[in-house]
C-alpha atoms as a PDB file:
ATOM      1  CA  MET A   1      25.232 214.068  77.385  1.00  0.00           C
ATOM      2  CA  MET A   2      29.259 214.065  78.014  1.00  0.00           C
ATOM      3  CA  LYS A   3      31.124 216.750  76.517  1.00  0.00           C
ATOM      4  CA  PHE A   4      34.363 216.042  75.099  1.00  0.00           C
ATOM      5  CA  SER A   5      36.954 218.826  76.334  1.00  0.00           C
ATOM      6  CA  GLY A   6      39.914 216.588  76.426  1.00  0.00           C
ATOM      7  CA  PRO A   7      41.412 213.338  76.770  1.00  0.00           C
ATOM      8  CA  SER A   8      42.340 213.994  80.724  1.00  0.00           C
ATOM      9  CA  VAL A   9      38.459 215.137  81.630  1.00  0.00           C
ATOM     10  CA  VAL A  10      36.702 212.197  79.413  1.00  0.00           C
ATOM     11  CA  LEU A  11      38.367 209.247  81.538  1.00  0.00           C
ATOM     12  CA  PRO A  12      37.616 210.189  84.941  1.00  0.00           C
ATOM     13  CA  GLU A  13      34.151 211.606  84.289  1.00  0.00           C
ATOM     14  CA  LEU A  14      33.297 208.063  82.172  1.00  0.00           C
ATOM     15  CA  MET A  15      35.066 206.010  85.709  1.00  0.00           C
ATOM     16  CA  ARG A  16      32.710 208.139  87.754  1.00  0.00           C
ATOM     17  CA  ARG A  17      29.550 207.600  85.730  1.00  0.00           C
ATOM     18  CA  LEU A  18      30.572 203.665  85.713  1.00  0.00           C
ATOM     19  CA  ALA A  19      31.198 203.188  89.019  1.00  0.00           C
ATOM     20  CA  LEU A  20      27.960 203.248  90.662  1.00  0.00           C
ATOM     21  CA  PRO A  21      26.355 200.528  87.967  1.00  0.00           C
ATOM     22  CA  ALA A  22      29.764 198.395  88.243  1.00  0.00           C
ATOM     23  CA  ALA A  23      29.283 198.291  91.969  1.00  0.00           C
ATOM     24  CA  ALA A  24      25.918 197.266  92.097  1.00  0.00           C
ATOM     25  CA  ILE A  25      26.624 194.556  89.797  1.00  0.00           C
ATOM     26  CA  VAL A  26      29.269 193.324  92.313  1.00  0.00           C
ATOM     27  CA  LEU A  27      27.170 193.645  95.058  1.00  0.00           C
ATOM     28  CA  LEU A  28      24.566 191.358  93.191  1.00  0.00           C
ATOM     29  CA  THR A  29      26.770 188.703  92.301  1.00  0.00           C
ATOM     30  CA  ILE A  30      27.948 188.235  96.038  1.00  0.00           C
ATOM     31  CA  PRO A  31      25.690 185.450  97.291  1.00  0.00           C
ATOM     32  CA  GLY A  32      23.844 186.824 100.331  1.00  0.00           C
ATOM     33  CA  ALA A  33      24.789 190.039  99.870  1.00  0.00           C
ATOM     34  CA  PHE A  34      21.219 191.658 100.033  1.00  0.00           C
ATOM     35  CA  ALA A  35      19.600 188.493 100.793  1.00  0.00           C
ATOM     36  CA  GLN A  36      16.245 188.862 102.576  1.00  0.00           C
ATOM     37  CA  GLU A  37      15.628 187.924 106.224  1.00  0.00           C
ATOM     38  CA  ALA A  38      14.638 184.305 106.408  1.00  0.00           C
ATOM     39  CA  ARG A  39      10.912 183.607 107.307  1.00  0.00           C
ATOM     40  CA  SER A  40       9.208 181.047 109.412  1.00  0.00           C
ATOM     41  CA  THR A  41       6.820 178.755 107.750  1.00  0.00           C
ATOM     42  CA  VAL A  42       3.675 180.808 109.355  1.00  0.00           C
ATOM     43  CA  GLY A  43       5.081 183.830 107.054  1.00  0.00           C
ATOM     44  CA  GLY A  44       6.313 185.851 109.765  1.00  0.00           C
ATOM     45  CA  GLU A  45       9.864 187.266 110.577  1.00  0.00           C
ATOM     46  CA  LEU A  46      12.194 184.990 112.666  1.00  0.00           C
ATOM     47  CA  THR A  47      12.944 186.059 116.274  1.00  0.00           C
ATOM     48  CA  SER A  48      16.630 186.556 117.371  1.00  0.00           C
ATOM     49  CA  GLU A  49      16.712 183.387 119.043  1.00  0.00           C
ATOM     50  CA  GLU A  50      14.993 181.568 116.113  1.00  0.00           C
ATOM     51  CA  GLU A  51      18.016 183.004 114.006  1.00  0.00           C
ATOM     52  CA  ILE A  52      20.344 182.036 116.366  1.00  0.00           C
ATOM     53  CA  LYS A  53      19.179 178.359 116.068  1.00  0.00           C
ATOM     54  CA  GLN A  54      19.019 178.655 112.601  1.00  0.00           C
ATOM     55  CA  PHE A  55      22.656 179.440 112.458  1.00  0.00           C
ATOM     56  CA  CYS A  56      23.655 177.245 114.776  1.00  0.00           C
ATOM     57  CA  THR A  57      22.084 174.480 113.036  1.00  0.00           C
ATOM     58  CA  ASN A  58      23.562 175.549 109.376  1.00  0.00           C
ATOM     59  CA  ILE A  59      27.070 175.294 110.872  1.00  0.00           C
ATOM     60  CA  ALA A  60      26.695 172.411 113.313  1.00  0.00           C
ATOM     61  CA  ASP A  61      28.100 169.705 110.496  1.00  0.00           C
ATOM     62  CA  PRO A  62      30.940 171.818 109.377  1.00  0.00           C
ATOM     63  CA  ALA A  63      32.048 172.527 112.832  1.00  0.00           C
ATOM     64  CA  ARG A  64      31.531 168.858 114.054  1.00  0.00           C
ATOM     65  CA  ASP A  65      33.673 167.975 110.759  1.00  0.00           C
ATOM     66  CA  GLN A  66      36.327 170.435 111.609  1.00  0.00           C
ATOM     67  CA  ARG A  67      36.498 169.290 115.014  1.00  0.00           C
ATOM     68  CA  TYR A  68      36.881 165.803 113.710  1.00  0.00           C
ATOM     69  CA  LEU A  69      39.571 166.971 111.583  1.00  0.00           C
ATOM     70  CA  LEU A  70      41.367 168.618 114.316  1.00  0.00           C
ATOM     71  CA  GLN A  71      41.115 165.696 116.392  1.00  0.00           C
ATOM     72  CA  LYS A  72      42.559 163.258 113.707  1.00  0.00           C
ATOM     73  CA  GLN A  73      45.133 165.783 113.406  1.00  0.00           C
ATOM     74  CA  GLU A  74      46.050 165.616 117.000  1.00  0.00           C
ATOM     75  CA  LEU A  75      45.628 161.878 116.870  1.00  0.00           C
ATOM     76  CA  GLU A  76      48.263 161.531 113.688  1.00  0.00           C
ATOM     77  CA  LYS A  77      50.660 163.682 115.719  1.00  0.00           C
ATOM     78  CA  LEU A  78      50.429 161.517 118.678  1.00  0.00           C
ATOM     79  CA  ARG A  79      50.762 158.284 116.779  1.00  0.00           C
ATOM     80  CA  ALA A  80      54.129 159.901 115.083  1.00  0.00           C
ATOM     81  CA  ASP A  81      55.564 160.567 118.466  1.00  0.00           C
ATOM     82  CA  VAL A  82      54.631 156.797 119.601  1.00  0.00           C
ATOM     83  CA  ASP A  83      56.166 155.248 116.670  1.00  0.00           C
ATOM     84  CA  THR A  84      59.124 157.654 117.248  1.00  0.00           C
ATOM     85  CA  ARG A  85      59.447 156.609 120.827  1.00  0.00           C
ATOM     86  CA  ILE A  86      58.913 152.960 119.902  1.00  0.00           C
ATOM     87  CA  ALA A  87      62.055 153.110 117.161  1.00  0.00           C
ATOM     88  CA  GLU A  88      64.094 154.831 120.019  1.00  0.00           C
ATOM     89  CA  MET A  89      63.117 151.590 122.366  1.00  0.00           C
ATOM     90  CA  GLN A  90      64.015 149.222 119.687  1.00  0.00           C
ATOM     91  CA  LYS A  91      67.206 150.634 118.884  1.00  0.00           C
ATOM     92  CA  ARG A  92      68.093 150.727 122.800  1.00  0.00           C
ATOM     93  CA  LYS A  93      67.116 147.441 122.776  1.00  0.00           C
ATOM     94  CA  ASP A  94      69.267 146.472 119.793  1.00  0.00           C
ATOM     95  CA  GLU A  95      72.273 148.415 121.427  1.00  0.00           C
ATOM     96  CA  TYR A  96      71.685 146.267 124.656  1.00  0.00           C
ATOM     97  CA  GLN A  97      71.348 142.821 122.771  1.00  0.00           C
ATOM     98  CA  ASP A  98      74.221 143.660 121.128  1.00  0.00           C
ATOM     99  CA  TRP A  99      76.141 144.505 123.912  1.00  0.00           C
ATOM    100  CA  LEU A 100      75.067 141.309 126.079  1.00  0.00           C
ATOM    101  CA  LYS A 101      76.108 139.321 123.026  1.00  0.00           C
ATOM    102  CA  ARG A 102      79.818 141.201 122.919  1.00  0.00           C
ATOM    103  CA  ARG A 103      80.268 140.472 126.797  1.00  0.00           C
ATOM    104  CA  ASP A 104      79.148 136.800 126.612  1.00  0.00           C
ATOM    105  CA  VAL A 105      82.016 136.211 123.771  1.00  0.00           C
ATOM    106  CA  PHE A 106      84.410 138.406 125.754  1.00  0.00           C
ATOM    107  CA  LEU A 107      83.892 136.385 128.907  1.00  0.00           C
ATOM    108  CA  LYS A 108      83.961 132.894 126.898  1.00  0.00           C
ATOM    109  CA  GLN A 109      87.203 134.099 125.667  1.00  0.00           C
ATOM    110  CA  ALA A 110      88.536 134.085 128.993  1.00  0.00           C
ATOM    111  CA  GLU A 111      87.480 130.793 129.449  1.00  0.00           C
ATOM    112  CA  ALA A 112      88.780 127.454 128.355  1.00  0.00           C
ATOM    113  CA  GLY A 113      91.673 127.256 130.557  1.00  0.00           C
ATOM    114  CA  LEU A 114      93.780 130.076 129.850  1.00  0.00           C
ATOM    115  CA  THR A 115      92.719 131.840 132.988  1.00  0.00           C
ATOM    116  CA  ASP A 116      94.210 129.100 134.802  1.00  0.00           C
ATOM    117  CA  ILE A 117      97.234 129.466 133.238  1.00  0.00           C
ATOM    118  CA  TYR A 118      97.607 132.848 133.871  1.00  0.00           C
ATOM    119  CA  LYS A 119      96.872 132.204 137.536  1.00  0.00           C
ATOM    120  CA  LYS A 120     100.099 130.472 137.881  1.00  0.00           C
ATOM    121  CA  MET A 121     102.265 132.799 136.174  1.00  0.00           C
ATOM    122  CA  LYS A 122     104.699 135.166 137.730  1.00  0.00           C
ATOM    123  CA  PRO A 123     103.257 138.951 137.346  1.00  0.00           C
ATOM    124  CA  ASP A 124     105.893 140.023 135.358  1.00  0.00           C
ATOM    125  CA  ALA A 125     105.963 137.145 133.067  1.00  0.00           C
ATOM    126  CA  ALA A 126     102.006 137.406 132.501  1.00  0.00           C
ATOM    127  CA  ALA A 127     102.229 140.935 131.729  1.00  0.00           C
ATOM    128  CA  SER A 128     104.749 140.485 129.104  1.00  0.00           C
ATOM    129  CA  GLN A 129     102.695 137.919 127.484  1.00  0.00           C
ATOM    130  CA  LEU A 130      99.362 139.844 127.954  1.00  0.00           C
ATOM    131  CA  GLN A 131     100.689 143.047 126.232  1.00  0.00           C
ATOM    132  CA  GLU A 132     101.316 140.960 123.484  1.00  0.00           C
ATOM    133  CA  MET A 133      97.650 139.436 123.104  1.00  0.00           C
ATOM    134  CA  ARG A 134      94.741 141.164 121.279  1.00  0.00           C
ATOM    135  CA  ILE A 135      93.680 143.469 124.238  1.00  0.00           C
ATOM    136  CA  GLU A 136      89.931 142.018 124.222  1.00  0.00           C
ATOM    137  CA  VAL A 137      91.446 138.843 125.367  1.00  0.00           C
ATOM    138  CA  ALA A 138      94.122 140.109 127.601  1.00  0.00           C
ATOM    139  CA  ALA A 139      91.228 141.886 129.663  1.00  0.00           C
ATOM    140  CA  ALA A 140      89.101 139.232 129.557  1.00  0.00           C
ATOM    141  CA  VAL A 141      91.767 137.344 131.291  1.00  0.00           C
ATOM    142  CA  VAL A 142      92.688 139.825 133.875  1.00  0.00           C
ATOM    143  CA  MET A 143      89.167 140.303 134.559  1.00  0.00           C
ATOM    144  CA  ARG A 144      88.796 136.632 135.494  1.00  0.00           C
ATOM    145  CA  LEU A 145      92.161 136.740 137.832  1.00  0.00           C
ATOM    146  CA  ASN A 146      91.769 137.481 141.343  1.00  0.00           C
ATOM    147  CA  PRO A 147      92.016 140.879 142.472  1.00  0.00           C
ATOM    148  CA  THR A 148      95.472 140.972 144.206  1.00  0.00           C
ATOM    149  CA  GLN A 149      96.873 138.642 140.836  1.00  0.00           C
ATOM    150  CA  SER A 150      95.099 141.644 138.462  1.00  0.00           C
ATOM    151  CA  SER A 151      96.670 144.370 140.195  1.00  0.00           C
ATOM    152  CA  LEU A 152     100.069 143.006 139.960  1.00  0.00           C
ATOM    153  CA  ILE A 153      99.866 142.113 136.107  1.00  0.00           C
ATOM    154  CA  LEU A 154      98.472 145.571 135.532  1.00  0.00           C
ATOM    155  CA  ASN A 155     101.518 147.058 137.633  1.00  0.00           C
ATOM    156  CA  GLU A 156     103.953 145.238 135.277  1.00  0.00           C
ATOM    157  CA  MET A 157     102.503 146.178 132.439  1.00  0.00           C
ATOM    158  CA  ASP A 158     102.843 149.209 129.923  1.00  0.00           C
ATOM    159  CA  PRO A 159     100.758 152.126 131.220  1.00  0.00           C
ATOM    160  CA  LYS A 160      99.071 152.557 128.538  1.00  0.00           C
ATOM    161  CA  LYS A 161      97.988 149.236 127.618  1.00  0.00           C
ATOM    162  CA  ALA A 162      97.032 148.579 131.342  1.00  0.00           C
ATOM    163  CA  ALA A 163      94.878 151.863 131.152  1.00  0.00           C
ATOM    164  CA  ILE A 164      93.375 150.641 128.041  1.00  0.00           C
ATOM    165  CA  ILE A 165      92.514 146.726 129.668  1.00  0.00           C
ATOM    166  CA  ALA A 166      91.194 148.639 132.629  1.00  0.00           C
ATOM    167  CA  ASN A 167      89.076 150.576 130.672  1.00  0.00           C
ATOM    168  CA  ILE A 168      87.674 147.797 128.729  1.00  0.00           C
ATOM    169  CA  ILE A 169      86.772 145.690 132.061  1.00  0.00           C
ATOM    170  CA  ALA A 170      84.704 148.758 133.417  1.00  0.00           C
ATOM    171  CA  SER A 171      82.845 149.252 130.510  1.00  0.00           C
ATOM    172  CA  ALA A 172      82.170 145.179 130.653  1.00  0.00           C
ATOM    173  CA  SER A 173      80.672 145.849 133.518  1.00  0.00           C
ATOM    174  CA  ASP A 174      78.651 149.048 132.937  1.00  0.00           C
ATOM    175  CA  PRO A 175      75.392 148.308 131.512  1.00  0.00           C
ATOM    176  CA  ASN A 176      74.709 151.484 129.329  1.00  0.00           C
ATOM    177  CA  THR A 177      77.858 150.609 127.346  1.00  0.00           C
ATOM    178  CA  SER A 178      76.864 148.899 123.865  1.00  0.00           C
ATOM    179  CA  LYS A 179      80.019 150.475 121.858  1.00  0.00           C
ATOM    180  CA  ASP A 180      83.233 148.434 120.886  1.00  0.00           C
ATOM    181  CA  PRO A 181      85.665 149.295 123.643  1.00  0.00           C
ATOM    182  CA  SER A 182      88.736 149.884 121.224  1.00  0.00           C
END
């Protein structure tokens, strides 16, 4: 029997007496904590090799499932990477097609006889008129002229306008350009 000498003594004594039965209950509720060794069908104990085989057999399916899950996750990552690359390629293709379309429009603007008119003009007169045109049209015309005439006309133009036109002409021949030159 317990002696009641005070509340500070009773609680530790009670905890000490209940600790062992509580530990036993906890250990008994854990699956396999005190499980007996598996016996073979003949009634004898399993050898360590048989235990290893049984263990491997028991975990084979979960291990395979986990391996498949990891492979599936890796494939999903690879698919996402491929999808990202395809999207990037499509974006670049669209940019290139846009550039090609704008270049064709640009070159068509210079056709229609406009180039022939500026071929026959004096460089100072052509320069003053081209400065007042839309910059894209002026660049298209200058680009269609022969290099000697183009250089004379650009020499007569305002240096800032001439630089913009030269930049547009350079961009039109650069296959990496797909942005608006202005």
